[in-house]
Protein backbone atom coordinates (compact mmCIF):
# COMPACT_ATOMS: atom_id res chain seq x y z
CA UNK A 1 -51.50 18.20 -56.71
CA UNK A 2 -51.63 14.48 -55.96
CA UNK A 3 -48.47 12.42 -56.09
CA UNK A 4 -48.08 8.67 -56.06
CA UNK A 5 -45.50 6.86 -54.00
CA UNK A 6 -45.17 3.22 -53.15
CA UNK A 7 -43.52 0.89 -50.72
CA UNK A 8 -40.82 -1.64 -51.35
CA UNK A 9 -43.01 -4.54 -50.27
CA UNK A 10 -46.39 -5.96 -51.26
CA UNK A 11 -49.57 -4.04 -50.54
CA UNK A 12 -51.12 -4.57 -47.11
CA UNK A 13 -53.71 -7.32 -47.04
CA UNK A 14 -54.95 -7.24 -43.46
CA UNK A 15 -57.53 -5.15 -41.63
CA UNK A 16 -60.08 -2.90 -43.25
CA UNK A 17 -57.64 -2.03 -46.06
CA UNK A 18 -57.65 -5.62 -47.33
CA UNK A 19 -57.70 -5.53 -51.10
CA UNK A 20 -57.12 -1.76 -51.27
CA UNK A 21 -54.43 -0.87 -53.79
CA UNK A 22 -53.86 2.74 -52.73
CA UNK A 23 -54.67 5.21 -49.99
CA UNK A 24 -54.72 9.00 -49.86
CA UNK A 25 -53.20 10.91 -46.95
CA UNK A 26 -52.83 14.62 -46.25
CA UNK A 27 -49.32 15.87 -45.53
CA UNK A 28 -48.72 19.11 -43.63
CA UNK A 29 -45.35 20.82 -43.12
CA UNK A 30 -44.88 23.39 -40.34
CA UNK A 31 -42.31 25.89 -39.11
CA UNK A 32 -38.84 25.51 -40.62
CA UNK A 33 -39.94 22.52 -42.74
CA UNK A 34 -42.16 24.69 -44.94
CA UNK A 35 -39.07 25.56 -46.97
CA UNK A 36 -39.10 21.94 -48.20
CA UNK A 37 -42.72 22.18 -49.39
CA UNK A 38 -41.93 23.09 -52.98
CA UNK A 39 -44.42 24.71 -55.36
CA UNK A 40 -47.39 22.70 -54.01
CA UNK A 41 -47.23 24.48 -50.66
CA UNK A 42 -47.06 23.17 -47.11
CA UNK A 43 -50.31 21.16 -47.35
CA UNK A 44 -50.77 18.46 -49.96
CA UNK A 45 -52.44 15.13 -50.57
CA UNK A 46 -50.39 12.11 -51.54
CA UNK A 47 -51.60 8.87 -53.06
CA UNK A 48 -49.68 5.97 -51.53
CA UNK A 49 -49.66 2.20 -51.83
CA UNK A 50 -51.61 0.48 -49.08
CA UNK A 51 -49.18 -0.37 -46.30
CA UNK A 52 -47.11 2.79 -46.83
CA UNK A 53 -45.28 4.12 -43.79
CA UNK A 54 -44.07 7.43 -42.37
CA UNK A 55 -40.62 6.52 -43.70
CA UNK A 56 -41.99 6.28 -47.25
CA UNK A 57 -43.30 9.86 -46.95
CA UNK A 58 -40.04 11.16 -45.44
CA UNK A 59 -38.10 9.62 -48.33
CA UNK A 60 -40.51 10.88 -51.00
CA UNK A 61 -40.51 14.45 -49.69
CA UNK A 62 -36.74 14.27 -49.08
CA UNK A 63 -37.18 15.75 -45.62
CA UNK A 64 -33.89 16.19 -43.76
CA UNK A 65 -34.39 13.98 -40.72
CA UNK A 66 -32.15 16.21 -38.59
CA UNK A 67 -34.61 19.11 -39.13
CA UNK A 68 -37.72 17.14 -38.07
CA UNK A 69 -38.69 17.99 -34.47
CA UNK A 70 -42.17 16.47 -34.25
CA UNK A 71 -44.28 14.03 -36.31
CA UNK A 72 -48.02 13.87 -35.70
CA UNK A 73 -50.30 11.23 -37.19
CA UNK A 74 -53.93 12.32 -36.85
CA UNK A 75 -52.89 14.69 -34.06
CA UNK A 76 -50.95 12.08 -32.06
CA UNK A 77 -47.20 12.14 -31.60
CA UNK A 78 -45.82 9.02 -33.31
CA UNK A 79 -42.22 9.85 -32.44
CA UNK A 80 -42.12 10.55 -28.70
CA UNK A 81 -38.64 11.55 -27.68
CA UNK A 82 -37.70 12.82 -31.14
CA UNK A 83 -37.01 16.31 -29.80
CA UNK A 84 -34.65 14.74 -27.21
CA UNK A 85 -32.40 13.20 -29.85
CA UNK A 86 -34.55 10.20 -30.77
CA UNK A 87 -35.30 9.13 -34.31
CA UNK A 88 -38.37 9.22 -36.52
CA UNK A 89 -40.63 6.17 -36.24
CA UNK A 90 -40.34 5.27 -39.91
CA UNK A 91 -42.41 2.11 -39.45
CA UNK A 92 -45.70 3.77 -38.44
CA UNK A 93 -48.21 2.51 -41.03
CA UNK A 94 -50.54 4.99 -42.70
CA UNK A 95 -54.22 4.49 -43.46
CA UNK A 96 -56.59 6.09 -45.98
CA UNK A 97 -57.60 9.59 -44.84
CA UNK A 98 -54.77 10.02 -42.32
CA UNK A 99 -53.28 13.45 -41.69
CA UNK A 100 -49.51 13.38 -41.24
CA UNK A 101 -47.85 16.56 -39.93
CA UNK A 102 -44.13 17.28 -39.75
CA UNK A 103 -42.73 20.19 -37.76
CA UNK A 104 -39.32 21.67 -37.33
CA UNK A 105 -38.40 23.35 -34.03
CA UNK A 106 -40.61 26.27 -33.05
CA UNK A 107 -38.72 29.58 -32.73
CA UNK A 108 -38.02 30.54 -29.11
CA UNK A 109 -38.60 26.97 -27.94
CA UNK A 110 -36.39 24.40 -26.27
CA UNK A 111 -35.32 23.21 -29.73
CA UNK A 112 -33.68 26.57 -30.46
CA UNK A 113 -32.00 26.72 -27.05
CA UNK A 114 -34.32 29.31 -25.54
CA UNK A 115 -36.18 28.40 -22.35
CA UNK A 116 -39.91 27.88 -22.65
CA UNK A 117 -41.70 30.14 -20.17
C-alpha cells in the first residue's frame, strides 16, 4: 500500500527533480525492525514530497532510533559508525526510485555482544 508523507520545507527545486512534486521510494525493514512493519509487511513503497529525507521516513514509520543498527540507501551505508554509537544521518536526501533499508542488529553479531567469527 502506498503512503504519502511530506517534509516541513518547500519541495526541492534543484537537480533532475526540479519541478517534481513527489517521489516514490521503496522501504525495507530487516531483522528486529520487522516487528515495526505493521500489516503492510517489511517491504513497502512510500510516496514522499520531493526533497524528503531519511529522517522523514524514520519519523513516519515511527522507528525507534535506538533499535536501528544500519541504514542503507541503494545498497550504500549512509550512517557509517551507527553501530558504534553514532546517530542516523537524518539529512540524507531521497530521490525517486531509491531503495532505503533499515536493519536492527543481526543475531549473533557484534551488536548482540557475541563475537563475529
